[in-house]
Amino acid sequence: MAKKSRSQNAALPHGTQTLADFQQIRALAHPLRLRILGLLVREPRTTKQVADLLGENHTKLYHHVQELERAKVIRLTETRQKRGTVEKYYQATAALFRPAPSVLSPTRDANDKPSGLEAMLNAILDAGRADVLAYAQKDGLQRGSKKGLIAGRLLIKGSRVKALKTVRRQISRAIDALLAQGAKERAHKRGARKQRKRTYALTIILLPTDAI
């Protein structure tokens, strides 16, 4: 039986962590690191376990895990002795992460590096793009199947309240359509084996587009 040695409290992360350092923002400005962080929010995992869930080579992920640990958005929570090796379990330091206003400068610095805001947006949009491309490759979207995918761009004219109500209505309709589709599939596949659990991604950006 593997021996356990807890280095820190491994309770599930909660609350929001403010990213006050540009290096933290830059560490998260990578779609693969965001996916790694998402898995480590749910429960402590080793780099190999994360790699298996993402379908990546585990040696490729070591550098990214180290960068996230250096940025202090994940931490070592447990070590286990197993077959002469040491398994290291990492977990996110919070359930949500947000940049501090001080790093959200709309300008570039003297070295022409992306601002905190630009890095954050690049990370979010790149992660969304990577998720869609991975879905297309694995689930046959390129062959015409669009099951489970909601994508679109919506422009709304009116007040902020109207915009929020419209977004809520559109999302509700899309969810209702997916639920109805799922019910039909289950009806046709009665007696079939239970569907595997999957991880779903949702990316939402709502902002006024008029010039200020």
N, C-alpha and C. Protein backbone atom coordinates (compact mmCIF):
# COMPACT_ATOMS: atom_id res chain seq x y z
N MET A 1 0.85 -1.20 0.00
CA MET A 1 0.00 0.00 0.00
C MET A 1 0.89 1.25 0.00
N ALA A 2 0.53 2.21 -0.81
CA ALA A 2 1.33 3.44 -0.91
C ALA A 2 1.24 4.25 0.37
N LYS A 3 2.37 4.78 0.80
CA LYS A 3 2.42 5.62 1.99
C LYS A 3 2.10 7.06 1.61
N LYS A 4 1.39 7.75 2.47
CA LYS A 4 1.00 9.13 2.20
C LYS A 4 1.71 10.07 3.15
N SER A 5 2.10 11.21 2.63
CA SER A 5 2.71 12.25 3.46
C SER A 5 2.14 13.58 3.05
N ARG A 6 1.26 14.12 3.85
CA ARG A 6 0.62 15.39 3.51
C ARG A 6 1.53 16.55 3.87
N SER A 7 1.84 17.36 2.86
CA SER A 7 2.70 18.52 3.10
C SER A 7 1.90 19.75 3.47
N GLN A 8 0.63 19.82 2.98
CA GLN A 8 -0.21 20.96 3.26
C GLN A 8 -1.65 20.49 3.35
N ASN A 9 -2.53 21.36 3.79
CA ASN A 9 -3.95 21.02 3.86
C ASN A 9 -4.51 20.82 2.46
N ALA A 10 -5.12 19.65 2.21
CA ALA A 10 -5.61 19.32 0.87
C ALA A 10 -7.10 19.55 0.73
N ALA A 11 -7.68 20.42 1.56
CA ALA A 11 -9.10 20.71 1.44
C ALA A 11 -9.38 21.33 0.08
N LEU A 12 -10.60 21.15 -0.41
CA LEU A 12 -10.96 21.71 -1.71
C LEU A 12 -10.78 23.22 -1.68
N PRO A 13 -10.23 23.80 -2.75
CA PRO A 13 -10.03 25.26 -2.77
C PRO A 13 -11.35 26.00 -2.81
N HIS A 14 -11.37 27.18 -2.24
CA HIS A 14 -12.58 27.99 -2.26
C HIS A 14 -12.17 29.46 -2.32
N GLY A 15 -13.13 30.31 -2.59
CA GLY A 15 -12.86 31.74 -2.63
C GLY A 15 -12.17 32.17 -3.91
N THR A 16 -11.80 33.44 -3.93
CA THR A 16 -11.17 34.04 -5.12
C THR A 16 -9.77 34.53 -4.77
N GLN A 17 -8.82 34.25 -5.63
CA GLN A 17 -7.45 34.73 -5.44
C GLN A 17 -7.19 35.87 -6.41
N THR A 18 -6.71 36.99 -5.90
CA THR A 18 -6.39 38.14 -6.72
C THR A 18 -4.96 38.04 -7.23
N LEU A 19 -4.79 38.14 -8.52
CA LEU A 19 -3.46 38.07 -9.13
C LEU A 19 -2.91 39.49 -9.24
N ALA A 20 -1.98 39.82 -8.34
CA ALA A 20 -1.46 41.18 -8.26
C ALA A 20 -0.14 41.35 -9.01
N ASP A 21 0.38 40.27 -9.55
CA ASP A 21 1.69 40.29 -10.21
C ASP A 21 1.52 39.95 -11.68
N PHE A 22 2.20 40.70 -12.55
CA PHE A 22 2.10 40.43 -13.98
C PHE A 22 2.63 39.05 -14.32
N GLN A 23 3.61 38.55 -13.56
CA GLN A 23 4.15 37.22 -13.81
C GLN A 23 3.07 36.15 -13.61
N GLN A 24 2.16 36.39 -12.67
CA GLN A 24 1.06 35.45 -12.47
C GLN A 24 0.12 35.46 -13.68
N ILE A 25 -0.16 36.66 -14.17
CA ILE A 25 -1.01 36.78 -15.36
C ILE A 25 -0.36 36.08 -16.54
N ARG A 26 0.94 36.29 -16.70
CA ARG A 26 1.65 35.68 -17.83
C ARG A 26 1.68 34.15 -17.70
N ALA A 27 1.78 33.66 -16.47
CA ALA A 27 1.78 32.21 -16.27
C ALA A 27 0.47 31.58 -16.71
N LEU A 28 -0.63 32.34 -16.58
CA LEU A 28 -1.93 31.84 -16.98
C LEU A 28 -2.27 32.16 -18.43
N ALA A 29 -1.40 32.92 -19.09
CA ALA A 29 -1.68 33.31 -20.48
C ALA A 29 -1.25 32.20 -21.44
N HIS A 30 -1.72 31.00 -21.16
CA HIS A 30 -1.41 29.83 -21.99
C HIS A 30 -2.60 28.89 -21.88
N PRO A 31 -3.20 28.51 -23.00
CA PRO A 31 -4.42 27.69 -22.94
C PRO A 31 -4.24 26.36 -22.22
N LEU A 32 -3.08 25.73 -22.39
CA LEU A 32 -2.86 24.44 -21.74
C LEU A 32 -2.77 24.60 -20.23
N ARG A 33 -2.14 25.69 -19.77
CA ARG A 33 -2.03 25.90 -18.32
C ARG A 33 -3.40 26.18 -17.70
N LEU A 34 -4.26 26.87 -18.43
CA LEU A 34 -5.62 27.10 -17.93
C LEU A 34 -6.37 25.78 -17.79
N ARG A 35 -6.18 24.88 -18.72
CA ARG A 35 -6.84 23.58 -18.64
C ARG A 35 -6.29 22.76 -17.48
N ILE A 36 -4.98 22.85 -17.27
CA ILE A 36 -4.36 22.17 -16.13
C ILE A 36 -4.92 22.71 -14.83
N LEU A 37 -4.99 24.04 -14.73
CA LEU A 37 -5.50 24.68 -13.52
C LEU A 37 -6.94 24.28 -13.26
N GLY A 38 -7.75 24.19 -14.32
CA GLY A 38 -9.14 23.81 -14.16
C GLY A 38 -9.29 22.42 -13.54
N LEU A 39 -8.43 21.49 -13.96
CA LEU A 39 -8.49 20.14 -13.40
C LEU A 39 -8.01 20.11 -11.95
N LEU A 40 -7.07 20.99 -11.62
CA LEU A 40 -6.53 21.01 -10.26
C LEU A 40 -7.42 21.76 -9.29
N VAL A 41 -8.42 22.47 -9.78
CA VAL A 41 -9.42 23.09 -8.90
C VAL A 41 -10.34 22.01 -8.33
N ARG A 42 -10.64 21.01 -9.14
CA ARG A 42 -11.62 20.00 -8.75
C ARG A 42 -11.11 19.06 -7.66
N GLU A 43 -9.83 18.67 -7.75
CA GLU A 43 -9.25 17.77 -6.74
C GLU A 43 -7.75 17.71 -6.94
N PRO A 44 -7.00 17.29 -5.90
CA PRO A 44 -5.54 17.16 -6.06
C PRO A 44 -5.23 16.07 -7.08
N ARG A 45 -4.26 16.34 -7.95
CA ARG A 45 -3.88 15.35 -8.96
C ARG A 45 -2.38 15.45 -9.22
N THR A 46 -1.81 14.36 -9.71
CA THR A 46 -0.42 14.37 -10.13
C THR A 46 -0.34 14.90 -11.56
N THR A 47 0.87 15.24 -11.97
CA THR A 47 1.06 15.71 -13.34
C THR A 47 0.67 14.63 -14.34
N LYS A 48 0.97 13.38 -14.03
CA LYS A 48 0.61 12.28 -14.94
C LYS A 48 -0.90 12.12 -15.03
N GLN A 49 -1.60 12.24 -13.91
CA GLN A 49 -3.06 12.12 -13.93
C GLN A 49 -3.68 13.22 -14.78
N VAL A 50 -3.16 14.44 -14.64
CA VAL A 50 -3.65 15.56 -15.45
C VAL A 50 -3.38 15.31 -16.92
N ALA A 51 -2.17 14.82 -17.21
CA ALA A 51 -1.80 14.55 -18.60
C ALA A 51 -2.73 13.51 -19.22
N ASP A 52 -3.05 12.47 -18.46
CA ASP A 52 -3.94 11.43 -18.98
C ASP A 52 -5.33 11.99 -19.27
N LEU A 53 -5.83 12.87 -18.40
CA LEU A 53 -7.16 13.45 -18.60
C LEU A 53 -7.18 14.38 -19.82
N LEU A 54 -6.06 15.05 -20.07
CA LEU A 54 -5.99 15.98 -21.19
C LEU A 54 -5.54 15.31 -22.49
N GLY A 55 -5.11 14.05 -22.39
CA GLY A 55 -4.61 13.38 -23.57
C GLY A 55 -3.26 13.90 -24.03
N GLU A 56 -2.45 14.36 -23.07
CA GLU A 56 -1.13 14.92 -23.37
C GLU A 56 -0.03 14.00 -22.82
N ASN A 57 1.17 14.14 -23.35
CA ASN A 57 2.33 13.45 -22.81
C ASN A 57 2.70 14.08 -21.47
N HIS A 58 2.84 13.27 -20.42
CA HIS A 58 3.06 13.85 -19.09
C HIS A 58 4.38 14.61 -18.99
N THR A 59 5.39 14.22 -19.78
CA THR A 59 6.66 14.95 -19.73
C THR A 59 6.50 16.38 -20.25
N LYS A 60 5.54 16.56 -21.14
CA LYS A 60 5.28 17.89 -21.69
C LYS A 60 4.68 18.82 -20.65
N LEU A 61 3.99 18.25 -19.65
CA LEU A 61 3.26 19.07 -18.68
C LEU A 61 4.10 19.49 -17.49
N TYR A 62 5.24 18.86 -17.25
CA TYR A 62 6.02 19.18 -16.06
C TYR A 62 6.41 20.66 -16.01
N HIS A 63 6.86 21.18 -17.14
CA HIS A 63 7.25 22.59 -17.19
C HIS A 63 6.07 23.50 -16.87
N HIS A 64 4.90 23.19 -17.42
CA HIS A 64 3.72 24.03 -17.18
C HIS A 64 3.28 23.96 -15.72
N VAL A 65 3.35 22.79 -15.12
CA VAL A 65 2.99 22.66 -13.70
C VAL A 65 3.96 23.45 -12.84
N GLN A 66 5.23 23.41 -13.17
CA GLN A 66 6.23 24.18 -12.43
C GLN A 66 5.97 25.68 -12.54
N GLU A 67 5.58 26.13 -13.74
CA GLU A 67 5.28 27.55 -13.92
C GLU A 67 4.07 27.97 -13.08
N LEU A 68 3.05 27.12 -13.01
CA LEU A 68 1.87 27.42 -12.21
C LEU A 68 2.21 27.43 -10.72
N GLU A 69 3.11 26.54 -10.31
CA GLU A 69 3.52 26.53 -8.90
C GLU A 69 4.34 27.77 -8.57
N ARG A 70 5.23 28.16 -9.48
CA ARG A 70 6.02 29.38 -9.25
C ARG A 70 5.13 30.61 -9.18
N ALA A 71 4.04 30.61 -9.94
CA ALA A 71 3.09 31.73 -9.93
C ALA A 71 2.18 31.69 -8.70
N LYS A 72 2.28 30.63 -7.91
CA LYS A 72 1.52 30.48 -6.66
C LYS A 72 0.01 30.41 -6.91
N VAL A 73 -0.37 29.75 -8.01
CA VAL A 73 -1.78 29.49 -8.26
C VAL A 73 -2.12 28.02 -8.03
N ILE A 74 -1.08 27.18 -7.89
CA ILE A 74 -1.26 25.81 -7.43
C ILE A 74 -0.23 25.55 -6.34
N ARG A 75 -0.47 24.51 -5.54
CA ARG A 75 0.47 24.18 -4.47
C ARG A 75 0.55 22.67 -4.32
N LEU A 76 1.67 22.21 -3.76
CA LEU A 76 1.85 20.80 -3.45
C LEU A 76 1.05 20.48 -2.20
N THR A 77 0.14 19.52 -2.30
CA THR A 77 -0.71 19.20 -1.15
C THR A 77 -0.38 17.84 -0.55
N GLU A 78 0.27 16.98 -1.32
CA GLU A 78 0.50 15.63 -0.81
C GLU A 78 1.59 14.93 -1.62
N THR A 79 2.37 14.09 -0.96
CA THR A 79 3.33 13.23 -1.65
C THR A 79 3.06 11.78 -1.25
N ARG A 80 3.25 10.86 -2.20
CA ARG A 80 3.04 9.44 -1.93
C ARG A 80 4.21 8.63 -2.47
N GLN A 81 4.68 7.71 -1.65
CA GLN A 81 5.71 6.78 -2.09
C GLN A 81 5.05 5.64 -2.84
N LYS A 82 5.48 5.40 -4.08
CA LYS A 82 4.89 4.34 -4.88
C LYS A 82 5.95 3.71 -5.77
N ARG A 83 6.24 2.45 -5.48
CA ARG A 83 7.19 1.68 -6.29
C ARG A 83 8.52 2.39 -6.46
N GLY A 84 9.03 2.90 -5.37
CA GLY A 84 10.35 3.53 -5.39
C GLY A 84 10.37 4.95 -5.91
N THR A 85 9.23 5.49 -6.28
CA THR A 85 9.16 6.87 -6.75
C THR A 85 8.25 7.68 -5.84
N VAL A 86 8.30 8.98 -5.98
CA VAL A 86 7.47 9.88 -5.18
C VAL A 86 6.45 10.55 -6.09
N GLU A 87 5.18 10.32 -5.81
CA GLU A 87 4.11 10.98 -6.56
C GLU A 87 3.76 12.29 -5.87
N LYS A 88 3.73 13.37 -6.64
CA LYS A 88 3.41 14.69 -6.08
C LYS A 88 2.02 15.10 -6.54
N TYR A 89 1.18 15.43 -5.57
CA TYR A 89 -0.19 15.86 -5.85
C TYR A 89 -0.29 17.37 -5.70
N TYR A 90 -0.81 18.02 -6.73
CA TYR A 90 -0.96 19.47 -6.73
C TYR A 90 -2.44 19.85 -6.75
N GLN A 91 -2.73 21.03 -6.20
CA GLN A 91 -4.09 21.54 -6.24
C GLN A 91 -4.08 23.05 -6.37
N ALA A 92 -5.14 23.58 -6.99
CA ALA A 92 -5.26 25.03 -7.14
C ALA A 92 -5.37 25.69 -5.78
N THR A 93 -4.88 26.91 -5.67
CA THR A 93 -4.91 27.64 -4.40
C THR A 93 -6.24 28.36 -4.16
N ALA A 94 -7.10 28.40 -5.17
CA ALA A 94 -8.41 29.04 -5.02
C ALA A 94 -9.36 28.45 -6.05
N ALA A 95 -10.64 28.73 -5.87
CA ALA A 95 -11.64 28.25 -6.82
C ALA A 95 -11.75 29.18 -8.03
N LEU A 96 -11.49 30.47 -7.81
CA LEU A 96 -11.56 31.47 -8.88
C LEU A 96 -10.32 32.36 -8.80
N PHE A 97 -9.92 32.89 -9.96
CA PHE A 97 -8.77 33.78 -10.03
C PHE A 97 -9.15 35.04 -10.82
N ARG A 98 -8.72 36.19 -10.30
CA ARG A 98 -9.01 37.44 -11.02
C ARG A 98 -7.80 38.37 -10.90
N PRO A 99 -7.51 39.13 -11.96
CA PRO A 99 -6.38 40.06 -11.90
C PRO A 99 -6.72 41.30 -11.09
N ALA A 100 -5.74 41.82 -10.40
CA ALA A 100 -5.92 43.06 -9.66
C ALA A 100 -6.02 44.22 -10.64
N PRO A 101 -6.79 45.27 -10.29
CA PRO A 101 -6.92 46.42 -11.20
C PRO A 101 -5.57 47.04 -11.57
N SER A 102 -4.60 46.93 -10.68
CA SER A 102 -3.29 47.55 -10.93
C SER A 102 -2.55 46.93 -12.09
N VAL A 103 -2.87 45.66 -12.43
CA VAL A 103 -2.18 45.03 -13.55
C VAL A 103 -2.99 45.06 -14.83
N LEU A 104 -4.18 45.65 -14.77
CA LEU A 104 -5.03 45.73 -15.96
C LEU A 104 -4.79 47.03 -16.73
N SER A 105 -3.57 47.27 -17.07
CA SER A 105 -3.24 48.47 -17.82
C SER A 105 -3.53 48.24 -19.29
N PRO A 106 -4.19 49.21 -19.97
CA PRO A 106 -4.48 49.04 -21.39
C PRO A 106 -3.29 49.33 -22.29
N THR A 107 -2.13 49.68 -21.71
CA THR A 107 -0.96 50.00 -22.50
C THR A 107 0.10 48.94 -22.33
N ARG A 108 1.07 48.94 -23.20
CA ARG A 108 2.20 48.02 -23.10
C ARG A 108 3.32 48.69 -22.32
N ASP A 109 4.20 47.85 -21.73
CA ASP A 109 5.30 48.43 -20.97
C ASP A 109 6.45 48.75 -21.92
N ALA A 110 7.56 49.15 -21.32
CA ALA A 110 8.69 49.62 -22.11
C ALA A 110 9.26 48.53 -23.01
N ASN A 111 9.13 47.26 -22.61
CA ASN A 111 9.65 46.16 -23.39
C ASN A 111 8.62 45.62 -24.38
N ASP A 112 7.51 46.35 -24.56
CA ASP A 112 6.46 45.96 -25.50
C ASP A 112 5.84 44.61 -25.17
N LYS A 113 5.75 44.31 -23.86
CA LYS A 113 5.09 43.08 -23.43
C LYS A 113 3.59 43.31 -23.36
N PRO A 114 2.79 42.28 -23.53
CA PRO A 114 1.34 42.45 -23.41
C PRO A 114 0.96 42.94 -22.02
N SER A 115 -0.05 43.79 -21.96
CA SER A 115 -0.53 44.24 -20.66
C SER A 115 -1.22 43.09 -19.94
N GLY A 116 -1.52 43.28 -18.66
CA GLY A 116 -2.22 42.25 -17.90
C GLY A 116 -3.56 41.91 -18.52
N LEU A 117 -4.29 42.94 -18.96
CA LEU A 117 -5.60 42.73 -19.56
C LEU A 117 -5.48 41.94 -20.86
N GLU A 118 -4.51 42.31 -21.68
CA GLU A 118 -4.34 41.62 -22.95
C GLU A 118 -3.93 40.17 -22.74
N ALA A 119 -3.04 39.93 -21.77
CA ALA A 119 -2.61 38.56 -21.48
C ALA A 119 -3.78 37.72 -21.00
N MET A 120 -4.61 38.30 -20.15
CA MET A 120 -5.76 37.57 -19.64
C MET A 120 -6.73 37.21 -20.77
N LEU A 121 -7.03 38.20 -21.64
CA LEU A 121 -7.95 37.94 -22.75
C LEU A 121 -7.38 36.92 -23.73
N ASN A 122 -6.07 37.02 -24.00
CA ASN A 122 -5.44 36.03 -24.88
C ASN A 122 -5.59 34.63 -24.31
N ALA A 123 -5.40 34.51 -22.98
CA ALA A 123 -5.50 33.20 -22.34
C ALA A 123 -6.92 32.65 -22.45
N ILE A 124 -7.91 33.50 -22.19
CA ILE A 124 -9.30 33.06 -22.25
C ILE A 124 -9.69 32.65 -23.66
N LEU A 125 -9.38 33.50 -24.63
CA LEU A 125 -9.78 33.23 -26.01
C LEU A 125 -9.00 32.06 -26.61
N ASP A 126 -7.72 31.96 -26.27
CA ASP A 126 -6.93 30.83 -26.77
C ASP A 126 -7.42 29.52 -26.18
N ALA A 127 -7.81 29.55 -24.90
CA ALA A 127 -8.32 28.33 -24.26
C ALA A 127 -9.62 27.90 -24.93
N GLY A 128 -10.50 28.87 -25.22
CA GLY A 128 -11.75 28.54 -25.90
C GLY A 128 -11.51 27.98 -27.29
N ARG A 129 -10.58 28.57 -28.01
CA ARG A 129 -10.25 28.08 -29.35
C ARG A 129 -9.68 26.67 -29.29
N ALA A 130 -8.78 26.44 -28.32
CA ALA A 130 -8.17 25.11 -28.18
C ALA A 130 -9.22 24.05 -27.84
N ASP A 131 -10.18 24.42 -26.99
CA ASP A 131 -11.24 23.47 -26.62
C ASP A 131 -12.08 23.08 -27.84
N VAL A 132 -12.45 24.08 -28.65
CA VAL A 132 -13.28 23.80 -29.83
C VAL A 132 -12.51 22.93 -30.83
N LEU A 133 -11.23 23.23 -31.05
CA LEU A 133 -10.45 22.45 -32.00
C LEU A 133 -10.27 21.02 -31.51
N ALA A 134 -10.04 20.86 -30.19
CA ALA A 134 -9.90 19.51 -29.64
C ALA A 134 -11.20 18.73 -29.79
N TYR A 135 -12.32 19.42 -29.56
CA TYR A 135 -13.63 18.77 -29.72
C TYR A 135 -13.86 18.36 -31.17
N ALA A 136 -13.46 19.24 -32.09
CA ALA A 136 -13.64 18.94 -33.52
C ALA A 136 -12.84 17.72 -33.93
N GLN A 137 -11.64 17.59 -33.40
CA GLN A 137 -10.78 16.47 -33.78
C GLN A 137 -11.25 15.16 -33.17
N LYS A 138 -11.74 15.20 -31.94
CA LYS A 138 -12.08 13.96 -31.23
C LYS A 138 -13.54 13.53 -31.44
N ASP A 139 -14.45 14.47 -31.65
CA ASP A 139 -15.87 14.14 -31.69
C ASP A 139 -16.52 14.32 -33.05
N GLY A 140 -15.71 14.51 -34.09
CA GLY A 140 -16.24 14.48 -35.44
C GLY A 140 -16.98 15.73 -35.88
N LEU A 141 -16.68 16.87 -35.29
CA LEU A 141 -17.35 18.10 -35.72
C LEU A 141 -17.05 18.39 -37.19
N GLN A 142 -15.84 18.05 -37.63
CA GLN A 142 -15.46 18.30 -39.01
C GLN A 142 -16.23 17.42 -39.99
N ARG A 143 -16.84 16.35 -39.45
CA ARG A 143 -17.65 15.48 -40.31
C ARG A 143 -19.12 15.88 -40.27
N GLY A 144 -19.43 17.00 -39.60
CA GLY A 144 -20.79 17.50 -39.61
C GLY A 144 -21.54 17.38 -38.30
N SER A 145 -20.97 16.73 -37.29
CA SER A 145 -21.64 16.57 -36.01
C SER A 145 -21.41 17.80 -35.15
N LYS A 146 -22.50 18.37 -34.59
CA LYS A 146 -22.40 19.55 -33.73
C LYS A 146 -23.05 19.30 -32.37
N LYS A 147 -23.21 18.05 -32.00
CA LYS A 147 -23.86 17.73 -30.74
C LYS A 147 -23.01 18.22 -29.57
N GLY A 148 -23.65 18.93 -28.65
CA GLY A 148 -22.94 19.36 -27.45
C GLY A 148 -22.21 20.68 -27.60
N LEU A 149 -22.26 21.29 -28.77
CA LEU A 149 -21.53 22.54 -29.00
C LEU A 149 -22.49 23.71 -29.18
N ILE A 150 -22.30 24.75 -28.41
CA ILE A 150 -23.03 26.00 -28.59
C ILE A 150 -22.00 27.08 -28.88
N ALA A 151 -22.11 27.74 -30.02
CA ALA A 151 -21.16 28.79 -30.38
C ALA A 151 -21.90 29.88 -31.14
N GLY A 152 -21.53 31.11 -30.88
CA GLY A 152 -22.17 32.21 -31.59
C GLY A 152 -21.72 33.56 -31.05
N ARG A 153 -22.07 34.60 -31.77
CA ARG A 153 -21.78 35.97 -31.35
C ARG A 153 -23.07 36.76 -31.44
N LEU A 154 -23.39 37.45 -30.38
CA LEU A 154 -24.67 38.16 -30.29
C LEU A 154 -24.42 39.64 -30.00
N LEU A 155 -24.98 40.51 -30.84
CA LEU A 155 -24.90 41.95 -30.62
C LEU A 155 -26.28 42.45 -30.20
N ILE A 156 -26.33 43.20 -29.11
CA ILE A 156 -27.60 43.64 -28.53
C ILE A 156 -27.61 45.16 -28.43
N LYS A 157 -28.67 45.77 -28.90
CA LYS A 157 -28.83 47.23 -28.82
C LYS A 157 -29.77 47.56 -27.67
N GLY A 158 -29.30 48.38 -26.74
CA GLY A 158 -30.16 48.75 -25.62
C GLY A 158 -29.39 48.91 -24.34
N SER A 159 -30.10 48.89 -23.23
CA SER A 159 -29.48 49.08 -21.92
C SER A 159 -28.75 47.82 -21.47
N ARG A 160 -27.98 47.95 -20.39
CA ARG A 160 -27.26 46.80 -19.83
C ARG A 160 -28.24 45.75 -19.32
N VAL A 161 -29.34 46.22 -18.72
CA VAL A 161 -30.35 45.29 -18.22
C VAL A 161 -30.93 44.48 -19.37
N LYS A 162 -31.24 45.16 -20.47
CA LYS A 162 -31.78 44.46 -21.64
C LYS A 162 -30.78 43.46 -22.17
N ALA A 163 -29.51 43.85 -22.19
CA ALA A 163 -28.47 42.95 -22.70
C ALA A 163 -28.39 41.69 -21.85
N LEU A 164 -28.40 41.86 -20.53
CA LEU A 164 -28.31 40.71 -19.63
C LEU A 164 -29.53 39.79 -19.78
N LYS A 165 -30.71 40.39 -19.92
CA LYS A 165 -31.92 39.58 -20.09
C LYS A 165 -31.88 38.81 -21.41
N THR A 166 -31.38 39.45 -22.46
CA THR A 166 -31.29 38.78 -23.76
C THR A 166 -30.31 37.62 -23.71
N VAL A 167 -29.16 37.85 -23.07
CA VAL A 167 -28.16 36.79 -22.94
C VAL A 167 -28.75 35.61 -22.15
N ARG A 168 -29.43 35.92 -21.06
CA ARG A 168 -30.04 34.85 -20.25
C ARG A 168 -31.06 34.06 -21.06
N ARG A 169 -31.86 34.77 -21.87
CA ARG A 169 -32.88 34.10 -22.67
C ARG A 169 -32.24 33.20 -23.74
N GLN A 170 -31.20 33.70 -24.39
CA GLN A 170 -30.54 32.91 -25.44
C GLN A 170 -29.87 31.68 -24.85
N ILE A 171 -29.21 31.84 -23.70
CA ILE A 171 -28.55 30.70 -23.07
C ILE A 171 -29.58 29.67 -22.63
N SER A 172 -30.70 30.14 -22.08
CA SER A 172 -31.76 29.22 -21.64
C SER A 172 -32.31 28.41 -22.80
N ARG A 173 -32.51 29.07 -23.95
CA ARG A 173 -33.01 28.37 -25.12
C ARG A 173 -32.03 27.31 -25.59
N ALA A 174 -30.75 27.66 -25.60
CA ALA A 174 -29.74 26.70 -26.04
C ALA A 174 -29.67 25.51 -25.09
N ILE A 175 -29.75 25.77 -23.79
CA ILE A 175 -29.72 24.68 -22.81
C ILE A 175 -30.94 23.79 -22.96
N ASP A 176 -32.11 24.40 -23.15
CA ASP A 176 -33.35 23.62 -23.34
C ASP A 176 -33.24 22.72 -24.57
N ALA A 177 -32.64 23.25 -25.63
CA ALA A 177 -32.49 22.46 -26.85
C ALA A 177 -31.57 21.27 -26.63
N LEU A 178 -30.48 21.48 -25.88
CA LEU A 178 -29.55 20.39 -25.60
C LEU A 178 -30.19 19.34 -24.70
N LEU A 179 -30.98 19.79 -23.72
CA LEU A 179 -31.67 18.85 -22.83
C LEU A 179 -32.67 18.00 -23.60
N ALA A 180 -33.41 18.64 -24.52
CA ALA A 180 -34.37 17.90 -25.33
C ALA A 180 -33.67 16.90 -26.23
N GLN A 181 -32.54 17.30 -26.79
CA GLN A 181 -31.76 16.41 -27.64
C GLN A 181 -31.26 15.22 -26.84
N GLY A 182 -30.78 15.49 -25.61
CA GLY A 182 -30.28 14.42 -24.77
C GLY A 182 -31.37 13.44 -24.38
N ALA A 183 -32.58 13.95 -24.12
CA ALA A 183 -33.70 13.08 -23.76
C ALA A 183 -34.05 12.14 -24.92
N LYS A 184 -34.03 12.66 -26.15
CA LYS A 184 -34.32 11.82 -27.31
C LYS A 184 -33.27 10.74 -27.49
N GLU A 185 -32.00 11.10 -27.27
CA GLU A 185 -30.93 10.13 -27.43
C GLU A 185 -31.04 9.02 -26.40
N ARG A 186 -31.39 9.40 -25.16
CA ARG A 186 -31.54 8.38 -24.11
C ARG A 186 -32.71 7.46 -24.42
N ALA A 187 -33.77 8.01 -25.00
CA ALA A 187 -34.94 7.19 -25.35
C ALA A 187 -34.60 6.16 -26.41
N HIS A 188 -33.72 6.52 -27.34
CA HIS A 188 -33.33 5.61 -28.42
C HIS A 188 -32.28 4.60 -27.97
N LYS A 189 -31.61 4.90 -26.85
CA LYS A 189 -30.51 4.04 -26.41
C LYS A 189 -30.80 3.41 -25.05
N ARG A 190 -32.03 3.08 -24.79
CA ARG A 190 -32.37 2.43 -23.53
C ARG A 190 -31.69 1.07 -23.45
N GLY A 191 -31.12 0.82 -22.30
CA GLY A 191 -30.41 -0.44 -22.11
C GLY A 191 -28.95 -0.35 -22.48
N ALA A 192 -28.55 0.75 -23.13
CA ALA A 192 -27.14 0.92 -23.47
C ALA A 192 -26.35 1.29 -22.22
N ARG A 193 -25.05 1.15 -22.30
CA ARG A 193 -24.24 1.45 -21.13
C ARG A 193 -24.30 2.93 -20.79
N LYS A 194 -24.04 3.21 -19.53
CA LYS A 194 -24.14 4.58 -19.03
C LYS A 194 -23.12 5.48 -19.73
N GLN A 195 -23.56 6.70 -20.07
CA GLN A 195 -22.66 7.63 -20.73
C GLN A 195 -21.53 8.05 -19.80
N ARG A 196 -20.33 8.21 -20.37
CA ARG A 196 -19.20 8.65 -19.57
C ARG A 196 -19.34 10.12 -19.20
N LYS A 197 -18.79 10.46 -18.04
CA LYS A 197 -18.84 11.85 -17.60
C LYS A 197 -17.83 12.66 -18.40
N ARG A 198 -18.23 13.88 -18.74
CA ARG A 198 -17.37 14.75 -19.53
C ARG A 198 -17.23 16.11 -18.85
N THR A 199 -16.20 16.83 -19.21
CA THR A 199 -16.00 18.18 -18.72
C THR A 199 -16.43 19.16 -19.80
N TYR A 200 -17.26 20.14 -19.44
CA TYR A 200 -17.77 21.13 -20.40
C TYR A 200 -17.17 22.51 -20.10
N ALA A 201 -16.90 23.26 -21.13
CA ALA A 201 -16.32 24.59 -21.00
C ALA A 201 -17.32 25.65 -21.45
N LEU A 202 -17.38 26.75 -20.70
CA LEU A 202 -18.26 27.87 -21.05
C LEU A 202 -17.44 29.15 -21.00
N THR A 203 -17.40 29.86 -22.11
CA THR A 203 -16.68 31.14 -22.20
C THR A 203 -17.67 32.24 -22.54
N ILE A 204 -17.77 33.25 -21.68
CA ILE A 204 -18.70 34.36 -21.89
C ILE A 204 -17.96 35.68 -21.74
N ILE A 205 -18.12 36.54 -22.70
CA ILE A 205 -17.58 37.91 -22.63
C ILE A 205 -18.72 38.85 -22.98
N LEU A 206 -19.12 39.68 -22.04
CA LEU A 206 -20.17 40.66 -22.27
C LEU A 206 -19.64 42.06 -21.94
N LEU A 207 -19.65 42.94 -22.94
CA LEU A 207 -19.14 44.28 -22.72
C LEU A 207 -19.74 45.23 -23.74
N PRO A 208 -19.78 46.52 -23.42
CA PRO A 208 -20.27 47.50 -24.40
C PRO A 208 -19.24 47.68 -25.51
N THR A 209 -19.69 47.70 -26.75
CA THR A 209 -18.77 47.84 -27.88
C THR A 209 -18.74 49.24 -28.46
N ASP A 210 -19.59 50.14 -27.95
CA ASP A 210 -19.58 51.51 -28.43
C ASP A 210 -18.30 52.22 -27.98
N ALA A 211 -17.80 53.10 -28.80
CA ALA A 211 -16.61 53.87 -28.44
C ALA A 211 -16.93 54.78 -27.26
N ILE A 212 -16.00 54.84 -26.31
CA ILE A 212 -16.19 55.67 -25.11
C ILE A 212 -15.64 57.06 -25.34
